[in-house]
Protein backbone atom coordinates (compact mmCIF):
# COMPACT_ATOMS: atom_id res chain seq x y z
CA MET A 1 3.76 -27.31 -13.29
CA THR A 2 6.75 -25.68 -15.35
CA THR A 3 5.16 -24.28 -18.19
CA VAL A 4 2.88 -21.62 -18.80
CA GLN A 5 0.97 -23.79 -20.61
CA GLU A 6 0.67 -26.38 -17.85
CA ILE A 7 -0.32 -23.78 -15.66
CA GLU A 8 -3.28 -22.81 -17.97
CA LYS A 9 -4.47 -26.49 -18.27
CA ALA A 10 -4.57 -26.56 -14.38
CA LEU A 11 -6.61 -23.33 -14.15
CA THR A 12 -8.92 -24.43 -16.99
CA LYS A 13 -9.59 -27.74 -14.61
CA LEU A 14 -10.35 -25.56 -11.52
CA PRO A 15 -14.08 -25.73 -9.82
CA PRO A 16 -15.88 -22.14 -9.75
CA GLU A 17 -14.72 -21.61 -6.30
CA LYS A 18 -11.24 -22.74 -6.68
CA LEU A 19 -10.71 -20.46 -9.51
CA ALA A 20 -12.16 -17.34 -7.73
CA GLU A 21 -9.36 -18.34 -4.70
CA PHE A 22 -6.77 -18.40 -7.33
CA ARG A 23 -8.14 -15.24 -8.89
CA SER A 24 -8.18 -13.05 -5.61
CA TRP A 25 -4.71 -14.38 -4.82
CA TYR A 26 -3.22 -13.65 -8.07
CA THR A 27 -4.47 -9.94 -7.78
CA GLU A 28 -2.88 -9.75 -4.91
CA PHE A 29 -0.06 -11.12 -5.63
CA ASP A 30 0.08 -8.93 -9.17
CA ALA A 31 -0.38 -5.83 -7.13
CA ALA A 32 2.22 -6.60 -4.67
CA GLN A 33 4.72 -7.02 -7.87
CA TRP A 34 3.26 -3.62 -9.28
CA ASP A 35 4.42 -1.74 -5.99
CA GLU A 36 7.83 -3.27 -5.60
CA GLN A 37 8.31 -2.26 -9.25
CA ILE A 38 7.48 0.98 -8.63
CA GLU A 39 9.31 1.24 -5.26
CA ASN A 40 12.52 0.33 -7.16
CA ASP A 41 12.10 2.81 -10.03
CA ILE A 42 11.58 5.56 -7.31
CA GLN A 43 14.46 4.35 -5.33
CA ALA A 44 16.54 4.35 -8.54
CA GLY A 45 15.17 7.97 -9.73
CA ARG A 46 13.74 6.68 -12.69
CA LEU A 47 10.65 8.88 -11.85
CA ASP A 48 12.59 12.14 -11.24
CA ALA A 49 11.89 13.46 -14.57
CA PHE A 50 8.25 12.71 -14.14
CA ALA A 51 7.82 14.51 -10.65
CA ASP A 52 10.02 17.33 -11.99
CA GLN A 53 7.70 18.11 -14.78
CA ALA A 54 4.20 17.91 -12.62
CA LEU A 55 6.08 20.29 -10.00
CA ASN A 56 7.15 22.75 -13.13
CA ASP A 57 3.34 22.28 -14.91
CA LEU A 58 2.11 23.19 -11.22
CA SER A 59 4.29 26.25 -10.40
CA GLN A 60 3.25 27.67 -13.89
CA ASN A 61 -0.77 27.00 -13.51
CA ARG A 62 -0.57 24.06 -16.27
CA CYS A 63 -2.57 22.26 -13.87
CA ARG A 64 -6.54 21.68 -13.41
CA SER A 65 -8.19 20.42 -10.40
CA LEU A 66 -9.78 16.66 -11.22
């Protein structure tokens, strides 16, 4: 399986229990990828401006409780 189309075709042939197993695995895999990207962005300082703005808003009482 080397293409998206082949993967899609294989997924359509899975029985429901195997599809559920794949779905669970993919959910965990996707979350791990997201976590890694966020960590990389934090380490590279790409989120610093957002953090600075949030802290500034907090100090200026421009925040409300959720």
